[in-house]
Amino acid sequence: MASIQNNLKFFERWPDNKRYWLKPDGSMYKAGETIRLPTLARTLNRMVEAERSASKRGRAAGIAAARDRFYKGDIAKEMVAFLQQHQAPFDLSDFAEFFAKVEEPATTNYRGYQVYKHSFGSQGPALLETLNILENFDLKGMGRNSADYIHTLIEAMKLSYADRDTYFADPSFVQVPGEGLLSKEYAKERARRINPHHASSEFVAGDPRPTTPRSRSGNTGSRTSRIRPPRPARHRVRNCSRSPSRTRPTSPSSIKTAIFSIARPAAVGSAAQ
């Protein structure tokens, strides 16, 4: 319910959301009550219909038919109409030409556990960099959810998120210094920036490129011409000193997702300790 509460102002801009996430009288649902999403159900039913109509040609053909109805058929046309009605720069080709690529995941080893995330076209590797940074601290000795434990986690996340915002992009178009970002040596360098007594008040990106192996052409990874990432950024955010007596756990950052009246993709968040 907190997620709905936090998005009430967002709902004001998109009245259709009110019909799905609030009661007819505008009040919020209570814990245990059922929220129904009939338009999402209708979208899924139409995809099932497409799959069943093509199932005689095999399972793969059925899945392709369901996908095509979503990205090329009537469902796509309805979504594009909605988007264009609200001045979004999409047309049917943006949906029809989309395809999911099978890519190698980003990975790191954290205290003997091999952890995998989506690659640098997503924010997934930020978690891996955070784990690499945290590997330099005795979290167990701090005590789970203690002031020192929470402080260290938050400060490590600040550093990895600064790198995320500076370097992460679609590797098909941008040179992402991935190996450097996820190297253990770079994590040690970043970990040294964490002050155990004060919260950082700056947005500080590091420079992982010196630790990234380069090809003979001098470029990271592929020899194709791609945009180089910017120089590391540093910005002061706010003055924020840490006092152990005042430190408290913070909630995970919220993800605001546009909820269309035709089809609503599900957003799933995860947290690791």
Protein backbone atom coordinates (compact mmCIF):
# COMPACT_ATOMS: atom_id res chain seq x y z
CA MET A 1 0.00 0.00 0.00
CA ALA A 2 2.95 2.32 0.59
CA SER A 3 3.82 2.14 -3.11
CA ILE A 4 0.35 3.40 -4.03
CA GLN A 5 0.53 6.11 -1.39
CA ASN A 6 3.86 7.32 -2.75
CA ASN A 7 2.46 7.57 -6.28
CA LEU A 8 -0.73 9.51 -5.63
CA LYS A 9 0.68 12.68 -7.19
CA PHE A 10 1.79 10.65 -10.21
CA PHE A 11 -1.76 9.33 -10.53
CA GLU A 12 -3.03 12.91 -10.77
CA ARG A 13 -1.24 13.21 -14.12
CA TRP A 14 -2.57 9.85 -15.36
CA PRO A 15 -6.24 9.54 -14.29
CA ASP A 16 -6.52 6.01 -15.73
CA ASN A 17 -4.26 4.85 -12.92
CA LYS A 18 -6.78 5.96 -10.37
CA ARG A 19 -9.32 3.52 -11.80
CA TYR A 20 -6.93 0.63 -11.23
CA TRP A 21 -5.17 1.47 -7.98
CA LEU A 22 -7.86 3.37 -6.07
CA LYS A 23 -11.44 2.54 -5.19
CA PRO A 24 -14.28 4.22 -7.15
CA ASP A 25 -14.67 6.79 -4.37
CA GLY A 26 -10.94 7.66 -4.58
CA SER A 27 -9.96 5.97 -1.33
CA MET A 28 -7.05 3.56 -1.06
CA TYR A 29 -7.36 -0.19 -0.79
CA LYS A 30 -6.51 -1.70 2.57
CA ALA A 31 -4.14 -4.57 3.23
CA GLY A 32 -5.86 -7.86 2.37
CA GLU A 33 -8.28 -6.35 -0.15
CA THR A 34 -8.13 -7.46 -3.79
CA ILE A 35 -7.10 -5.08 -6.56
CA ARG A 36 -8.39 -6.17 -9.96
CA LEU A 37 -6.71 -5.24 -13.24
CA PRO A 38 -9.22 -6.22 -15.95
CA THR A 39 -7.36 -4.56 -18.83
CA LEU A 40 -4.19 -6.46 -17.98
CA ALA A 41 -6.24 -9.66 -17.83
CA ARG A 42 -7.70 -8.85 -21.25
CA THR A 43 -4.20 -8.33 -22.69
CA LEU A 44 -3.00 -11.67 -21.32
CA ASN A 45 -6.13 -13.43 -22.57
CA ARG A 46 -5.56 -12.12 -26.09
CA MET A 47 -1.97 -13.37 -26.01
CA VAL A 48 -3.21 -16.77 -24.88
CA GLU A 49 -5.71 -16.78 -27.75
CA ALA A 50 -2.89 -16.10 -30.22
CA GLU A 51 -0.76 -18.87 -28.72
CA ARG A 52 -3.57 -21.42 -28.87
CA SER A 53 -4.48 -20.55 -32.46
CA ALA A 54 -0.92 -21.34 -33.54
CA SER A 55 -0.24 -24.22 -31.17
CA LYS A 56 -0.90 -26.87 -33.84
CA ARG A 57 2.39 -25.79 -35.43
CA GLY A 58 4.25 -26.42 -32.18
CA ARG A 59 5.07 -24.67 -28.92
CA ALA A 60 7.62 -22.31 -30.48
CA ALA A 61 5.10 -21.16 -33.07
CA GLY A 62 2.54 -20.53 -30.35
CA ILE A 63 4.95 -18.38 -28.32
CA ALA A 64 5.92 -16.44 -31.45
CA ALA A 65 2.25 -15.79 -32.22
CA ALA A 66 1.62 -14.44 -28.71
CA ARG A 67 4.68 -12.23 -28.96
CA ASP A 68 3.71 -10.94 -32.39
CA ARG A 69 0.24 -10.03 -31.22
CA PHE A 70 1.76 -7.99 -28.41
CA TYR A 71 4.47 -6.24 -30.44
CA LYS A 72 2.95 -6.16 -33.94
CA GLY A 73 -0.78 -6.80 -33.65
CA ASP A 74 -3.82 -5.17 -32.14
CA ILE A 75 -2.30 -4.89 -28.67
CA ALA A 76 0.68 -2.92 -30.02
CA LYS A 77 -1.63 -0.66 -32.04
CA GLU A 78 -3.67 0.16 -28.94
CA MET A 79 -0.57 0.92 -26.89
CA VAL A 80 0.89 3.14 -29.61
CA ALA A 81 -2.41 5.00 -29.94
CA PHE A 82 -2.41 5.64 -26.19
CA LEU A 83 1.21 6.82 -26.24
CA GLN A 84 0.70 9.13 -29.20
CA GLN A 85 -2.42 10.53 -27.58
CA HIS A 86 -0.13 11.64 -24.74
CA GLN A 87 2.59 13.06 -27.00
CA ALA A 88 5.02 10.15 -26.49
CA PRO A 89 7.48 9.77 -29.42
CA PHE A 90 6.59 6.18 -30.36
CA ASP A 91 5.17 4.58 -33.48
CA LEU A 92 4.31 1.01 -34.37
CA SER A 93 7.78 0.32 -35.79
CA ASP A 94 9.32 0.89 -32.35
CA PHE A 95 7.34 -2.08 -31.09
CA ALA A 96 7.49 -4.22 -34.22
CA GLU A 97 11.27 -3.95 -34.53
CA PHE A 98 11.97 -4.77 -30.90
CA PHE A 99 13.54 -8.10 -30.06
CA ALA A 100 15.17 -9.52 -26.96
CA LYS A 101 18.82 -10.46 -27.27
CA VAL A 102 20.48 -13.32 -25.45
CA GLU A 103 23.49 -11.76 -23.75
CA GLU A 104 26.21 -12.85 -21.39
CA PRO A 105 25.35 -11.76 -17.85
CA ALA A 106 27.59 -9.59 -15.74
CA THR A 107 29.01 -11.51 -12.80
CA THR A 108 31.26 -11.30 -9.77
CA ASN A 109 32.30 -13.59 -6.95
CA TYR A 110 31.24 -12.41 -3.52
CA ARG A 111 32.85 -14.33 -0.66
CA GLY A 112 32.67 -17.62 -2.57
CA TYR A 113 29.25 -17.04 -4.15
CA GLN A 114 29.07 -16.39 -7.89
CA VAL A 115 26.47 -13.67 -8.43
CA TYR A 116 24.94 -12.89 -11.84
CA LYS A 117 23.00 -9.84 -13.04
CA HIS A 118 21.86 -8.39 -16.35
CA SER A 119 24.64 -6.64 -18.25
CA PHE A 120 25.40 -2.91 -18.47
CA GLY A 121 22.32 -2.06 -20.50
CA SER A 122 20.56 -2.30 -17.12
CA GLN A 123 21.50 -1.18 -13.63
CA GLY A 124 22.15 -4.78 -12.58
CA PRO A 125 25.98 -4.52 -12.42
CA ALA A 126 25.64 -1.76 -9.82
CA LEU A 127 24.72 -4.47 -7.30
CA LEU A 128 27.80 -6.45 -8.31
CA GLU A 129 30.05 -3.43 -7.82
CA THR A 130 28.41 -2.79 -4.46
CA LEU A 131 29.17 -6.36 -3.38
CA ASN A 132 32.77 -5.99 -4.50
CA ILE A 133 33.10 -2.84 -2.40
CA LEU A 134 31.45 -4.46 0.63
CA GLU A 135 33.85 -7.39 0.40
CA ASN A 136 36.45 -5.03 1.85
CA PHE A 137 34.52 -4.64 5.12
CA ASP A 138 33.74 -6.95 8.02
CA LEU A 139 29.95 -6.74 7.77
CA LYS A 140 29.47 -9.76 10.02
CA GLY A 141 31.57 -8.13 12.72
CA MET A 142 29.48 -4.96 12.49
CA GLY A 143 26.29 -6.88 13.23
CA ARG A 144 23.40 -7.17 10.82
CA ASN A 145 21.38 -3.94 10.55
CA SER A 146 23.59 -2.15 13.06
CA ALA A 147 24.33 1.54 12.50
CA ASP A 148 27.77 0.73 11.10
CA TYR A 149 26.34 -2.02 8.86
CA ILE A 150 23.61 0.19 7.40
CA HIS A 151 26.00 3.12 6.98
CA THR A 152 28.54 1.00 5.09
CA LEU A 153 25.91 -0.49 2.78
CA ILE A 154 24.47 2.91 1.92
CA GLU A 155 27.86 4.47 1.28
CA ALA A 156 28.87 1.55 -0.98
CA MET A 157 25.63 1.93 -2.93
CA LYS A 158 26.24 5.66 -3.36
CA LEU A 159 29.59 4.91 -4.99
CA SER A 160 28.28 2.20 -7.30
CA TYR A 161 25.26 4.30 -8.28
CA ALA A 162 27.55 7.22 -9.15
CA ASP A 163 29.46 4.87 -11.46
CA ARG A 164 26.17 3.54 -12.83
CA ASP A 165 24.96 7.02 -13.75
CA THR A 166 28.33 7.88 -15.31
CA TYR A 167 29.24 4.76 -17.28
CA PHE A 168 26.28 2.40 -17.76
CA ALA A 169 24.63 2.37 -21.20
CA ASP A 170 23.80 0.01 -24.04
CA PRO A 171 27.14 -1.67 -24.88
CA SER A 172 26.04 -1.80 -28.52
CA PHE A 173 26.49 1.96 -28.71
CA VAL A 174 28.77 2.98 -25.84
CA GLN A 175 32.14 1.78 -24.63
CA VAL A 176 31.33 0.59 -21.12
CA PRO A 177 34.45 -0.13 -19.02
CA GLY A 178 32.77 -3.20 -17.59
CA GLU A 179 35.81 -5.21 -16.56
CA GLY A 180 37.24 -2.23 -14.76
CA LEU A 181 33.99 -1.45 -12.98
CA LEU A 182 33.76 -5.00 -11.65
CA SER A 183 37.44 -5.55 -10.88
CA LYS A 184 38.41 -6.27 -7.29
CA GLU A 185 41.25 -3.71 -7.40
CA TYR A 186 38.83 -0.99 -8.44
CA ALA A 187 36.48 -2.03 -5.63
CA LYS A 188 39.32 -1.61 -3.11
CA GLU A 189 39.96 1.87 -4.48
CA ARG A 190 36.29 2.77 -4.15
CA ALA A 191 36.05 1.25 -0.67
CA ARG A 192 38.77 3.60 0.56
CA ARG A 193 36.41 6.51 -0.08
CA ILE A 194 33.99 5.33 2.60
CA ASN A 195 34.36 7.28 5.84
CA PRO A 196 33.07 5.16 8.75
CA HIS A 197 32.05 8.27 10.69
CA HIS A 198 30.46 10.53 8.08
CA ALA A 199 27.97 10.12 5.25
CA SER A 200 29.22 11.28 1.87
CA SER A 201 27.62 14.49 0.66
CA GLU A 202 28.94 14.15 -2.89
CA PHE A 203 28.15 12.32 -6.11
CA VAL A 204 31.58 10.88 -6.88
CA ALA A 205 32.19 8.62 -9.86
CA GLY A 206 35.48 6.78 -10.06
CA ASP A 207 37.66 6.08 -13.07
CA PRO A 208 37.72 2.33 -13.78
CA ARG A 209 39.31 2.65 -17.20
CA PRO A 210 42.97 2.24 -16.20
CA THR A 211 42.09 -1.23 -14.86
CA THR A 212 40.20 -2.25 -18.02
CA PRO A 213 42.14 -4.43 -20.53
CA ARG A 214 42.39 -2.78 -23.94
CA SER A 215 42.50 -4.30 -27.40
CA ARG A 216 45.31 -3.61 -29.88
CA SER A 217 43.35 -0.70 -31.27
CA GLY A 218 43.38 0.95 -27.85
CA ASN A 219 39.65 0.52 -27.31
CA THR A 220 37.91 -1.47 -24.62
CA GLY A 221 36.40 -4.68 -25.95
CA SER A 222 35.15 -4.51 -29.51
CA ARG A 223 37.12 -2.63 -32.16
CA THR A 224 33.96 -1.06 -33.56
CA SER A 225 33.67 2.70 -33.23
CA ARG A 226 31.55 3.56 -30.21
CA ILE A 227 30.96 6.57 -28.02
CA ARG A 228 33.39 6.86 -25.16
CA PRO A 229 31.94 7.31 -21.66
CA PRO A 230 32.33 10.73 -20.02
CA ARG A 231 35.02 11.66 -17.56
CA PRO A 232 34.20 10.85 -13.92
CA ALA A 233 31.70 13.22 -12.39
CA ARG A 234 31.77 14.81 -8.95
CA HIS A 235 28.90 16.82 -7.54
CA ARG A 236 28.05 17.98 -4.05
CA VAL A 237 24.58 16.80 -3.10
CA ARG A 238 23.97 18.08 0.38
CA ASN A 239 25.66 18.41 3.74
CA CYS A 240 24.93 15.16 5.56
CA SER A 241 26.99 14.17 8.58
CA ARG A 242 26.39 10.76 10.08
CA SER A 243 25.72 10.26 13.76
CA PRO A 244 25.38 6.62 14.89
CA SER A 245 22.59 7.57 17.24
CA ARG A 246 20.60 9.01 14.34
CA THR A 247 21.31 6.42 11.70
CA ARG A 248 18.33 4.36 10.67
CA PRO A 249 17.63 1.92 7.84
CA THR A 250 16.27 3.51 4.71
CA SER A 251 13.72 2.00 2.38
CA PRO A 252 14.81 0.85 -1.08
CA SER A 253 14.56 3.46 -3.80
CA SER A 254 11.16 3.42 -5.42
CA ILE A 255 10.70 2.62 -9.06
CA LYS A 256 7.99 4.62 -10.77
CA THR A 257 6.48 2.74 -13.65
CA ALA A 258 4.07 4.20 -16.19
CA ILE A 259 0.96 2.05 -16.11
CA PHE A 260 -0.82 1.98 -19.44
CA SER A 261 -4.53 1.45 -19.74
CA ILE A 262 -4.00 -1.31 -22.30
CA ALA A 263 -1.19 -3.40 -20.83
CA ARG A 264 0.74 -2.94 -17.64
CA PRO A 265 4.24 -4.51 -17.48
CA ALA A 266 5.10 -5.77 -14.01
CA ALA A 267 8.05 -4.15 -12.25
CA VAL A 268 9.94 -6.40 -9.88
CA GLY A 269 12.55 -5.13 -7.45
CA SER A 270 14.98 -7.19 -5.42
CA ALA A 271 17.32 -6.46 -2.57
CA ALA A 272 20.29 -8.48 -1.35
CA GLN A 273 22.04 -8.45 1.98
